PDB file of N, CA and C in Angstrom:
ATOM      1  N   UNK A   1     111.104  15.581 103.788  1.00  0.00           N
ATOM      2  CA  UNK A   1     111.141  16.502 102.670  1.00  0.00           C
ATOM      3  C   UNK A   1     112.187  17.591 102.889  1.00  0.00           C
ATOM      4  N   UNK A   2     112.336  18.058 104.141  1.00  0.00           N
ATOM      5  CA  UNK A   2     113.310  19.118 104.423  1.00  0.00           C
ATOM      6  C   UNK A   2     114.736  18.642 104.151  1.00  0.00           C
ATOM      7  N   UNK A   3     114.998  17.357 104.335  1.00  0.00           N
ATOM      8  CA  UNK A   3     116.333  16.829 104.086  1.00  0.00           C
ATOM      9  C   UNK A   3     116.550  16.501 102.614  1.00  0.00           C
ATOM     10  N   UNK A   4     115.488  16.259 101.891  1.00  0.00           N
ATOM     11  CA  UNK A   4     115.600  15.880 100.490  1.00  0.00           C
ATOM     12  C   UNK A   4     116.156  17.014  99.633  1.00  0.00           C
ATOM     13  N   UNK A   5     115.680  18.234  99.808  1.00  0.00           N
ATOM     14  CA  UNK A   5     116.130  19.355  98.994  1.00  0.00           C
ATOM     15  C   UNK A   5     117.621  19.626  99.163  1.00  0.00           C
ATOM     16  N   UNK A   6     118.145  19.724 100.397  1.00  0.00           N
ATOM     17  CA  UNK A   6     119.598  19.918 100.523  1.00  0.00           C
ATOM     18  C   UNK A   6     120.406  18.774  99.907  1.00  0.00           C
ATOM     19  N   UNK A   7     119.904  17.553 100.019  1.00  0.00           N
ATOM     20  CA  UNK A   7     120.594  16.412  99.435  1.00  0.00           C
ATOM     21  C   UNK A   7     120.640  16.529  97.916  1.00  0.00           C
ATOM     22  N   UNK A   8     119.516  16.860  97.298  1.00  0.00           N
ATOM     23  CA  UNK A   8     119.455  17.016  95.843  1.00  0.00           C
ATOM     24  C   UNK A   8     120.378  18.145  95.395  1.00  0.00           C
ATOM     25  N   UNK A   9     120.348  19.279  96.082  1.00  0.00           N
ATOM     26  CA  UNK A   9     121.202  20.400  95.718  1.00  0.00           C
ATOM     27  C   UNK A   9     122.678  20.048  95.862  1.00  0.00           C
ATOM     28  N   UNK A  10     123.018  19.282  96.888  1.00  0.00           N
ATOM     29  CA  UNK A  10     124.399  18.857  97.072  1.00  0.00           C
ATOM     30  C   UNK A  10     124.831  17.928  95.945  1.00  0.00           C
ATOM     31  N   UNK A  11     123.994  16.972  95.604  1.00  0.00           N
ATOM     32  CA  UNK A  11     124.332  16.045  94.522  1.00  0.00           C
ATOM     33  C   UNK A  11     124.462  16.762  93.186  1.00  0.00           C
ATOM     34  N   UNK A  12     123.616  17.750  92.944  1.00  0.00           N
ATOM     35  CA  UNK A  12     123.690  18.495  91.694  1.00  0.00           C
ATOM     36  C   UNK A  12     124.940  19.357  91.611  1.00  0.00           C
ATOM     37  N   UNK A  13     125.515  19.708  92.726  1.00  0.00           N
ATOM     38  CA  UNK A  13     126.699  20.556  92.718  1.00  0.00           C
ATOM     39  C   UNK A  13     127.989  19.765  92.493  1.00  0.00           C
ATOM     40  N   UNK A  14     127.929  18.449  92.542  1.00  0.00           N
ATOM     41  CA  UNK A  14     129.112  17.612  92.315  1.00  0.00           C
ATOM     42  C   UNK A  14     129.288  17.425  90.811  1.00  0.00           C
ATOM     43  N   UNK A  15     130.467  17.746  90.268  1.00  0.00           N
ATOM     44  CA  UNK A  15     130.669  17.582  88.829  1.00  0.00           C
ATOM     45  C   UNK A  15     130.515  16.127  88.412  1.00  0.00           C
ATOM     46  N   UNK A  16     129.783  15.900  87.335  1.00  0.00           N
ATOM     47  CA  UNK A  16     129.623  14.556  86.798  1.00  0.00           C
ATOM     48  C   UNK A  16     130.917  14.161  86.080  1.00  0.00           C
ATOM     49  N   UNK A  17     131.104  12.881  85.890  1.00  0.00           N
ATOM     50  CA  UNK A  17     132.305  12.414  85.206  1.00  0.00           C
ATOM     51  C   UNK A  17     132.379  13.042  83.817  1.00  0.00           C
ATOM     52  N   UNK A  18     133.542  13.564  83.461  1.00  0.00           N
ATOM     53  CA  UNK A  18     133.730  14.147  82.141  1.00  0.00           C
ATOM     54  C   UNK A  18     133.335  15.606  82.049  1.00  0.00           C
ATOM     55  N   UNK A  19     132.759  16.174  83.086  1.00  0.00           N
ATOM     56  CA  UNK A  19     132.371  17.577  83.058  1.00  0.00           C
ATOM     57  C   UNK A  19     133.438  18.427  83.725  1.00  0.00           C
ATOM     58  N   UNK A  20     133.581  19.640  83.222  1.00  0.00           N
ATOM     59  CA  UNK A  20     134.523  20.582  83.797  1.00  0.00           C
ATOM     60  C   UNK A  20     133.889  21.186  85.052  1.00  0.00           C
ATOM     61  N   UNK A  21     134.650  21.267  86.125  1.00  0.00           N
ATOM     62  CA  UNK A  21     134.133  21.791  87.389  1.00  0.00           C
ATOM     63  C   UNK A  21     133.954  23.308  87.316  1.00  0.00           C
ATOM     64  N   UNK A  22     133.013  23.814  88.067  1.00  0.00           N
ATOM     65  CA  UNK A  22     132.779  25.256  88.164  1.00  0.00           C
ATOM     66  C   UNK A  22     133.873  25.878  89.019  1.00  0.00           C
ATOM     67  N   UNK A  23     134.347  27.066  88.625  1.00  0.00           N
ATOM     68  CA  UNK A  23     135.361  27.806  89.370  1.00  0.00           C
ATOM     69  C   UNK A  23     134.744  29.090  89.914  1.00  0.00           C
ATOM     70  N   UNK A  24     134.849  29.302  91.208  1.00  0.00           N
ATOM     71  CA  UNK A  24     134.325  30.534  91.811  1.00  0.00           C
ATOM     72  C   UNK A  24     135.189  31.708  91.377  1.00  0.00           C
ATOM     73  N   UNK A  25     134.545  32.758  90.821  1.00  0.00           N
ATOM     74  CA  UNK A  25     135.299  33.921  90.352  1.00  0.00           C
ATOM     75  C   UNK A  25     134.976  35.190  91.126  1.00  0.00           C
ATOM     76  N   UNK A  26     133.857  35.198  91.843  1.00  0.00           N
ATOM     77  CA  UNK A  26     133.497  36.377  92.626  1.00  0.00           C
ATOM     78  C   UNK A  26     132.516  35.967  93.711  1.00  0.00           C
ATOM     79  N   UNK A  27     132.618  36.656  94.839  1.00  0.00           N
ATOM     80  CA  UNK A  27     131.675  36.406  95.914  1.00  0.00           C
ATOM     81  C   UNK A  27     131.565  37.654  96.769  1.00  0.00           C
ATOM     82  N   UNK A  28     130.327  37.999  97.120  1.00  0.00           N
ATOM     83  CA  UNK A  28     130.109  39.060  98.099  1.00  0.00           C
ATOM     84  C   UNK A  28     128.969  38.611  99.000  1.00  0.00           C
ATOM     85  N   UNK A  29     128.417  39.494  99.767  1.00  0.00           N
ATOM     86  CA  UNK A  29     127.401  39.088 100.741  1.00  0.00           C
ATOM     87  C   UNK A  29     126.093  38.648 100.092  1.00  0.00           C
ATOM     88  N   UNK A  30     125.883  38.978  98.813  1.00  0.00           N
ATOM     89  CA  UNK A  30     124.608  38.677  98.173  1.00  0.00           C
ATOM     90  C   UNK A  30     124.662  37.575  97.118  1.00  0.00           C
ATOM     91  N   UNK A  31     125.801  37.428  96.463  1.00  0.00           N
ATOM     92  CA  UNK A  31     125.850  36.489  95.338  1.00  0.00           C
ATOM     93  C   UNK A  31     127.260  35.929  95.174  1.00  0.00           C
ATOM     94  N   UNK A  32     127.321  34.688  94.690  1.00  0.00           N
ATOM     95  CA  UNK A  32     128.577  34.045  94.333  1.00  0.00           C
ATOM     96  C   UNK A  32     128.491  33.681  92.856  1.00  0.00           C
ATOM     97  N   UNK A  33     129.527  34.035  92.087  1.00  0.00           N
ATOM     98  CA  UNK A  33     129.541  33.803  90.644  1.00  0.00           C
ATOM     99  C   UNK A  33     130.596  32.747  90.324  1.00  0.00           C
ATOM    100  N   UNK A  34     130.213  31.805  89.455  1.00  0.00           N
ATOM    101  CA  UNK A  34     131.089  30.730  89.020  1.00  0.00           C
ATOM    102  C   UNK A  34     131.170  30.743  87.498  1.00  0.00           C
ATOM    103  N   UNK A  35     132.310  30.290  86.961  1.00  0.00           N
ATOM    104  CA  UNK A  35     132.442  30.099  85.516  1.00  0.00           C
ATOM    105  C   UNK A  35     133.082  28.742  85.270  1.00  0.00           C
ATOM    106  N   UNK A  36     132.936  28.261  84.038  1.00  0.00           N
ATOM    107  CA  UNK A  36     133.658  27.073  83.599  1.00  0.00           C
ATOM    108  C   UNK A  36     133.820  27.136  82.088  1.00  0.00           C
ATOM    109  N   UNK A  37     134.932  26.621  81.625  1.00  0.00           N
ATOM    110  CA  UNK A  37     135.190  26.561  80.193  1.00  0.00           C
ATOM    111  C   UNK A  37     134.403  25.396  79.618  1.00  0.00           C
ATOM    112  N   UNK A  38     133.670  25.648  78.563  1.00  0.00           N
ATOM    113  CA  UNK A  38     132.919  24.582  77.911  1.00  0.00           C
ATOM    114  C   UNK A  38     133.849  23.848  76.943  1.00  0.00           C
ATOM    115  N   UNK A  39     133.961  22.540  77.075  1.00  0.00           N
ATOM    116  CA  UNK A  39     134.862  21.777  76.200  1.00  0.00           C
ATOM    117  C   UNK A  39     134.518  21.996  74.722  1.00  0.00           C
ATOM    118  N   UNK A  40     135.540  22.316  73.953  1.00  0.00           N
ATOM    119  CA  UNK A  40     135.352  22.504  72.515  1.00  0.00           C
ATOM    120  C   UNK A  40     134.715  23.825  72.133  1.00  0.00           C
ATOM    121  N   UNK A  41     134.541  24.729  73.089  1.00  0.00           N
ATOM    122  CA  UNK A  41     133.912  26.026  72.830  1.00  0.00           C
ATOM    123  C   UNK A  41     134.884  27.150  73.133  1.00  0.00           C
ATOM    124  N   UNK A  42     134.664  28.296  72.499  1.00  0.00           N
ATOM    125  CA  UNK A  42     135.520  29.462  72.736  1.00  0.00           C
ATOM    126  C   UNK A  42     135.038  30.296  73.914  1.00  0.00           C
ATOM    127  N   UNK A  43     133.925  29.943  74.505  1.00  0.00           N
ATOM    128  CA  UNK A  43     133.342  30.746  75.571  1.00  0.00           C
ATOM    129  C   UNK A  43     133.214  29.952  76.869  1.00  0.00           C
ATOM    130  N   UNK A  44     132.949  30.676  77.934  1.00  0.00           N
ATOM    131  CA  UNK A  44     132.700  30.074  79.235  1.00  0.00           C
ATOM    132  C   UNK A  44     131.214  30.179  79.576  1.00  0.00           C
ATOM    133  N   UNK A  45     130.745  29.236  80.343  1.00  0.00           N
ATOM    134  CA  UNK A  45     129.410  29.331  80.941  1.00  0.00           C
ATOM    135  C   UNK A  45     129.561  29.993  82.297  1.00  0.00           C
ATOM    136  N   UNK A  46     128.493  30.587  82.790  1.00  0.00           N
ATOM    137  CA  UNK A  46     128.543  31.153  84.127  1.00  0.00           C
ATOM    138  C   UNK A  46     127.245  30.849  84.851  1.00  0.00           C
ATOM    139  N   UNK A  47     127.324  30.875  86.168  1.00  0.00           N
ATOM    140  CA  UNK A  47     126.125  30.754  86.991  1.00  0.00           C
ATOM    141  C   UNK A  47     126.326  31.621  88.217  1.00  0.00           C
ATOM    142  N   UNK A  48     125.242  32.136  88.728  1.00  0.00           N
ATOM    143  CA  UNK A  48     125.264  32.963  89.931  1.00  0.00           C
ATOM    144  C   UNK A  48     124.350  32.316  90.958  1.00  0.00           C
ATOM    145  N   UNK A  49     124.817  32.275  92.193  1.00  0.00           N
ATOM    146  CA  UNK A  49     124.071  31.654  93.275  1.00  0.00           C
ATOM    147  C   UNK A  49     123.893  32.686  94.384  1.00  0.00           C
ATOM    148  N   UNK A  50     122.668  32.824  94.839  1.00  0.00           N
ATOM    149  CA  UNK A  50     122.400  33.758  95.920  1.00  0.00           C
ATOM    150  C   UNK A  50     120.997  33.566  96.457  1.00  0.00           C
ATOM    151  N   UNK A  51     120.693  34.268  97.500  1.00  0.00           N
ATOM    152  CA  UNK A  51     119.360  34.213  98.093  1.00  0.00           C
ATOM    153  C   UNK A  51     118.498  35.322  97.506  1.00  0.00           C
ATOM    154  N   UNK A  52     117.273  34.981  97.194  1.00  0.00           N
ATOM    155  CA  UNK A  52     116.316  35.946  96.655  1.00  0.00           C
ATOM    156  C   UNK A  52     115.280  36.204  97.738  1.00  0.00           C
ATOM    157  N   UNK A  53     115.096  37.467  98.117  1.00  0.00           N
ATOM    158  CA  UNK A  53     114.141  37.774  99.192  1.00  0.00           C
ATOM    159  C   UNK A  53     112.691  37.731  98.692  1.00  0.00           C
ATOM    160  N   UNK A  54     112.216  36.511  98.423  1.00  0.00           N
ATOM    161  CA  UNK A  54     110.848  36.343  97.937  1.00  0.00           C
ATOM    162  C   UNK A  54     110.356  34.956  98.348  1.00  0.00           C
ATOM    163  N   UNK A  55     109.063  34.815  98.380  1.00  0.00           N
ATOM    164  CA  UNK A  55     108.463  33.516  98.694  1.00  0.00           C
ATOM    165  C   UNK A  55     108.655  32.576  97.503  1.00  0.00           C
ATOM    166  N   UNK A  56     108.905  31.289  97.749  1.00  0.00           N
ATOM    167  CA  UNK A  56     109.068  30.337  96.645  1.00  0.00           C
ATOM    168  C   UNK A  56     107.892  30.342  95.662  1.00  0.00           C
ATOM    169  N   UNK A  57     106.687  30.527  96.173  1.00  0.00           N
ATOM    170  CA  UNK A  57     105.511  30.550  95.298  1.00  0.00           C
ATOM    171  C   UNK A  57     105.567  31.722  94.321  1.00  0.00           C
ATOM    172  N   UNK A  58     106.075  32.864  94.783  1.00  0.00           N
ATOM    173  CA  UNK A  58     106.202  34.034  93.907  1.00  0.00           C
ATOM    174  C   UNK A  58     107.224  33.782  92.808  1.00  0.00           C
ATOM    175  N   UNK A  59     108.339  33.158  93.164  1.00  0.00           N
ATOM    176  CA  UNK A  59     109.368  32.845  92.169  1.00  0.00           C
ATOM    177  C   UNK A  59     108.866  31.827  91.161  1.00  0.00           C
ATOM    178  N   UNK A  60     108.150  30.824  91.628  1.00  0.00           N
ATOM    179  CA  UNK A  60     107.595  29.814  90.736  1.00  0.00           C
ATOM    180  C   UNK A  60     106.611  30.440  89.755  1.00  0.00           C
ATOM    181  N   UNK A  61     105.804  31.348  90.232  1.00  0.00           N
ATOM    182  CA  UNK A  61     104.844  32.041  89.362  1.00  0.00           C
ATOM    183  C   UNK A  61     105.573  32.797  88.242  1.00  0.00           C
ATOM    184  N   UNK A  62     106.676  33.448  88.579  1.00  0.00           N
ATOM    185  CA  UNK A  62     107.451  34.189  87.574  1.00  0.00           C
ATOM    186  C   UNK A  62     108.045  33.227  86.551  1.00  0.00           C
ATOM    187  N   UNK A  63     108.607  32.108  87.012  1.00  0.00           N
ATOM    188  CA  UNK A  63     109.201  31.139  86.102  1.00  0.00           C
ATOM    189  C   UNK A  63     108.180  30.472  85.194  1.00  0.00           C
ATOM    190  N   UNK A  64     106.971  30.275  85.692  1.00  0.00           N
ATOM    191  CA  UNK A  64     105.929  29.639  84.892  1.00  0.00           C
ATOM    192  C   UNK A  64     105.352  30.563  83.832  1.00  0.00           C
ATOM    193  N   UNK A  65     105.497  31.868  84.002  1.00  0.00           N
ATOM    194  CA  UNK A  65     104.920  32.847  83.081  1.00  0.00           C
ATOM    195  C   UNK A  65     105.884  33.140  81.932  1.00  0.00           C
ATOM    196  N   UNK A  66     105.853  32.287  80.918  1.00  0.00           N
ATOM    197  CA  UNK A  66     106.758  32.415  79.778  1.00  0.00           C
ATOM    198  C   UNK A  66     106.586  33.762  79.077  1.00  0.00           C
ATOM    199  N   UNK A  67     105.379  34.286  79.044  1.00  0.00           N
ATOM    200  CA  UNK A  67     105.127  35.559  78.362  1.00  0.00           C
ATOM    201  C   UNK A  67     105.816  36.751  79.032  1.00  0.00           C
ATOM    202  N   UNK A  68     106.246  36.573  80.288  1.00  0.00           N
ATOM    203  CA  UNK A  68     106.929  37.687  80.965  1.00  0.00           C
ATOM    204  C   UNK A  68     108.451  37.559  80.932  1.00  0.00           C
ATOM    205  N   UNK A  69     108.980  36.530  80.278  1.00  0.00           N
ATOM    206  CA  UNK A  69     110.434  36.338  80.238  1.00  0.00           C
ATOM    207  C   UNK A  69     111.150  37.559  79.673  1.00  0.00           C
ATOM    208  N   UNK A  70     110.536  38.236  78.716  1.00  0.00           N
ATOM    209  CA  UNK A  70     111.192  39.411  78.114  1.00  0.00           C
ATOM    210  C   UNK A  70     111.345  40.557  79.111  1.00  0.00           C
ATOM    211  N   UNK A  71     110.680  40.480  80.255  1.00  0.00           N
ATOM    212  CA  UNK A  71     110.799  41.529  81.269  1.00  0.00           C
ATOM    213  C   UNK A  71     112.015  41.330  82.174  1.00  0.00           C
ATOM    214  N   UNK A  72     112.523  40.095  82.271  1.00  0.00           N
ATOM    215  CA  UNK A  72     113.606  39.858  83.217  1.00  0.00           C
ATOM    216  C   UNK A  72     114.788  39.071  82.664  1.00  0.00           C
ATOM    217  N   UNK A  73     114.657  38.438  81.499  1.00  0.00           N
ATOM    218  CA  UNK A  73     115.805  37.798  80.865  1.00  0.00           C
ATOM    219  C   UNK A  73     116.610  38.851  80.119  1.00  0.00           C
ATOM    220  N   UNK A  74     117.929  38.662  80.038  1.00  0.00           N
ATOM    221  CA  UNK A  74     118.786  39.633  79.351  1.00  0.00           C
ATOM    222  C   UNK A  74     118.670  39.496  77.838  1.00  0.00           C
ATOM    223  N   UNK A  75     118.343  40.576  77.188  1.00  0.00           N
ATOM    224  CA  UNK A  75     118.353  40.724  75.727  1.00  0.00           C
ATOM    225  C   UNK A  75     117.507  39.711  74.961  1.00  0.00           C
ATOM    226  N   UNK A  76     116.273  39.454  75.375  1.00  0.00           N
ATOM    227  CA  UNK A  76     115.468  38.506  74.604  1.00  0.00           C
ATOM    228  C   UNK A  76     114.975  39.140  73.301  1.00  0.00           C
ATOM    229  N   UNK A  77     115.116  38.406  72.227  1.00  0.00           N
ATOM    230  CA  UNK A  77     114.582  38.850  70.938  1.00  0.00           C
ATOM    231  C   UNK A  77     113.188  38.266  70.745  1.00  0.00           C
ATOM    232  N   UNK A  78     113.046  36.983  71.079  1.00  0.00           N
ATOM    233  CA  UNK A  78     111.731  36.341  71.049  1.00  0.00           C
ATOM    234  C   UNK A  78     111.721  35.178  72.032  1.00  0.00           C
ATOM    235  N   UNK A  79     110.545  34.907  72.579  1.00  0.00           N
ATOM    236  CA  UNK A  79     110.356  33.804  73.520  1.00  0.00           C
ATOM    237  C   UNK A  79     109.009  33.172  73.213  1.00  0.00           C
ATOM    238  N   UNK A  80     108.992  31.834  73.156  1.00  0.00           N
ATOM    239  CA  UNK A  80     107.697  31.172  72.991  1.00  0.00           C
ATOM    240  C   UNK A  80     107.727  29.785  73.629  1.00  0.00           C
ATOM    241  N   UNK A  81     106.583  29.386  74.101  1.00  0.00           N
ATOM    242  CA  UNK A  81     106.426  28.077  74.731  1.00  0.00           C
ATOM    243  C   UNK A  81     106.249  27.039  73.632  1.00  0.00           C
ATOM    244  N   UNK A  82     107.121  26.034  73.603  1.00  0.00           N
ATOM    245  CA  UNK A  82     107.033  24.979  72.601  1.00  0.00           C
ATOM    246  C   UNK A  82     106.134  23.843  73.052  1.00  0.00           C
ATOM    247  N   UNK A  83     106.237  23.488  74.335  1.00  0.00           N
ATOM    248  CA  UNK A  83     105.507  22.339  74.846  1.00  0.00           C
ATOM    249  C   UNK A  83     105.295  22.524  76.334  1.00  0.00           C
ATOM    250  N   UNK A  84     104.138  22.102  76.826  1.00  0.00           N
ATOM    251  CA  UNK A  84     103.832  22.199  78.247  1.00  0.00           C
ATOM    252  C   UNK A  84     102.992  20.990  78.641  1.00  0.00           C
ATOM    253  N   UNK A  85     103.672  19.946  79.105  1.00  0.00           N
ATOM    254  CA  UNK A  85     102.971  18.729  79.505  1.00  0.00           C
ATOM    255  C   UNK A  85     103.593  18.173  80.781  1.00  0.00           C
ATOM    256  N   UNK A  86     102.760  17.658  81.654  1.00  0.00           N
ATOM    257  CA  UNK A  86     103.223  16.974  82.868  1.00  0.00           C
ATOM    258  C   UNK A  86     104.220  17.802  83.673  1.00  0.00           C
ATOM    259  N   UNK A  87     103.919  19.076  83.876  1.00  0.00           N
ATOM    260  CA  UNK A  87     104.783  19.984  84.637  1.00  0.00           C
ATOM    261  C   UNK A  87     106.167  20.161  84.023  1.00  0.00           C
ATOM    262  N   UNK A  88     106.306  19.926  82.720  1.00  0.00           N
ATOM    263  CA  UNK A  88     107.560  20.150  81.997  1.00  0.00           C
ATOM    264  C   UNK A  88     107.283  21.157  80.892  1.00  0.00           C
ATOM    265  N   UNK A  89     108.082  22.203  80.850  1.00  0.00           N
ATOM    266  CA  UNK A  89     107.935  23.213  79.820  1.00  0.00           C
ATOM    267  C   UNK A  89     109.185  23.225  78.964  1.00  0.00           C
ATOM    268  N   UNK A  90     108.989  23.290  77.651  1.00  0.00           N
ATOM    269  CA  UNK A  90     110.090  23.495  76.720  1.00  0.00           C
ATOM    270  C   UNK A  90     109.882  24.879  76.133  1.00  0.00           C
ATOM    271  N   UNK A  91     110.862  25.752  76.365  1.00  0.00           N
ATOM    272  CA  UNK A  91     110.752  27.150  75.971  1.00  0.00           C
ATOM    273  C   UNK A  91     111.805  27.454  74.914  1.00  0.00           C
ATOM    274  N   UNK A  92     111.381  28.076  73.818  1.00  0.00           N
ATOM    275  CA  UNK A  92     112.314  28.535  72.789  1.00  0.00           C
ATOM    276  C   UNK A  92     112.604  30.001  73.045  1.00  0.00           C
ATOM    277  N   UNK A  93     113.879  30.345  73.096  1.00  0.00           N
ATOM    278  CA  UNK A  93     114.236  31.737  73.310  1.00  0.00           C
ATOM    279  C   UNK A  93     115.311  32.128  72.315  1.00  0.00           C
ATOM    280  N   UNK A  94     115.119  33.262  71.681  1.00  0.00           N
ATOM    281  CA  UNK A  94     116.145  33.809  70.804  1.00  0.00           C
ATOM    282  C   UNK A  94     116.692  35.052  71.472  1.00  0.00           C
ATOM    283  N   UNK A  95     117.991  35.059  71.677  1.00  0.00           N
ATOM    284  CA  UNK A  95     118.652  36.161  72.355  1.00  0.00           C
ATOM    285  C   UNK A  95     119.261  37.076  71.304  1.00  0.00           C
ATOM    286  N   UNK A  96     119.108  38.379  71.485  1.00  0.00           N
ATOM    287  CA  UNK A  96     119.582  39.351  70.500  1.00  0.00           C
ATOM    288  C   UNK A  96     121.080  39.248  70.258  1.00  0.00           C
ATOM    289  N   UNK A  97     121.848  38.857  71.267  1.00  0.00           N
ATOM    290  CA  UNK A  97     123.297  38.822  71.084  1.00  0.00           C
ATOM    291  C   UNK A  97     123.877  37.410  71.018  1.00  0.00           C
ATOM    292  N   UNK A  98     123.177  36.425  71.569  1.00  0.00           N
ATOM    293  CA  UNK A  98     123.741  35.079  71.657  1.00  0.00           C
ATOM    294  C   UNK A  98     123.161  34.085  70.659  1.00  0.00           C
ATOM    295  N   UNK A  99     122.061  34.403  70.036  1.00  0.00           N
ATOM    296  CA  UNK A  99     121.436  33.449  69.125  1.00  0.00           C
ATOM    297  C   UNK A  99     120.277  32.733  69.785  1.00  0.00           C
ATOM    298  N   UNK A 100     120.040  31.478  69.379  1.00  0.00           N
ATOM    299  CA  UNK A 100     118.863  30.740  69.836  1.00  0.00           C
ATOM    300  C   UNK A 100     119.243  29.695  70.874  1.00  0.00           C
ATOM    301  N   UNK A 101     118.261  29.353  71.682  1.00  0.00           N
ATOM    302  CA  UNK A 101     118.436  28.235  72.603  1.00  0.00           C
ATOM    303  C   UNK A 101     117.071  27.711  73.001  1.00  0.00           C
ATOM    304  N   UNK A 102     117.051  26.462  73.394  1.00  0.00           N
ATOM    305  CA  UNK A 102     115.831  25.847  73.919  1.00  0.00           C
ATOM    306  C   UNK A 102     116.098  25.497  75.369  1.00  0.00           C
ATOM    307  N   UNK A 103     115.248  25.990  76.251  1.00  0.00           N
ATOM    308  CA  UNK A 103     115.376  25.690  77.667  1.00  0.00           C
ATOM    309  C   UNK A 103     114.346  24.645  78.050  1.00  0.00           C
ATOM    310  N   UNK A 104     114.744  23.759  78.895  1.00  0.00           N
ATOM    311  CA  UNK A 104     113.804  22.793  79.465  1.00  0.00           C
ATOM    312  C   UNK A 104     113.623  23.146  80.926  1.00  0.00           C
ATOM    313  N   UNK A 105     112.387  23.348  81.331  1.00  0.00           N
ATOM    314  CA  UNK A 105     112.087  23.732  82.696  1.00  0.00           C
ATOM    315  C   UNK A 105     111.130  22.707  83.285  1.00  0.00           C
ATOM    316  N   UNK A 106     111.508  22.145  84.430  1.00  0.00           N
ATOM    317  CA  UNK A 106     110.664  21.164  85.105  1.00  0.00           C
ATOM    318  C   UNK A 106     110.165  21.747  86.403  1.00  0.00           C
ATOM    319  N   UNK A 107     108.868  21.633  86.629  1.00  0.00           N
ATOM    320  CA  UNK A 107     108.252  22.080  87.876  1.00  0.00           C
ATOM    321  C   UNK A 107     107.758  20.839  88.598  1.00  0.00           C
ATOM    322  N   UNK A 108     108.296  20.620  89.780  1.00  0.00           N
ATOM    323  CA  UNK A 108     107.924  19.427  90.553  1.00  0.00           C
ATOM    324  C   UNK A 108     106.841  19.750  91.536  1.00  0.00           C
TER     325      UNK A 108
END
């Protein structure tokens, strides 16, 4: 199991065919930020990678609590759980500045 997680994370970090690769734009001792241009879009996506000083169980509890998303997500206008079956959650979120999106969250 200890080897499985690093393997999965490594495979997920490899760009799939046809996808634009992530470009590192900033890094310090706590976080590394990446961006990529989305094909056919006027904007870039971004992701931040870093270590969080918390137990995995605590982080999982926060992610599972859809009702608390407005406390830590940026600019939420509304958030609601659409579906929750077999450890898969579909969450609808409307962002005050970006519009709507549906997130799919899987808990293994």
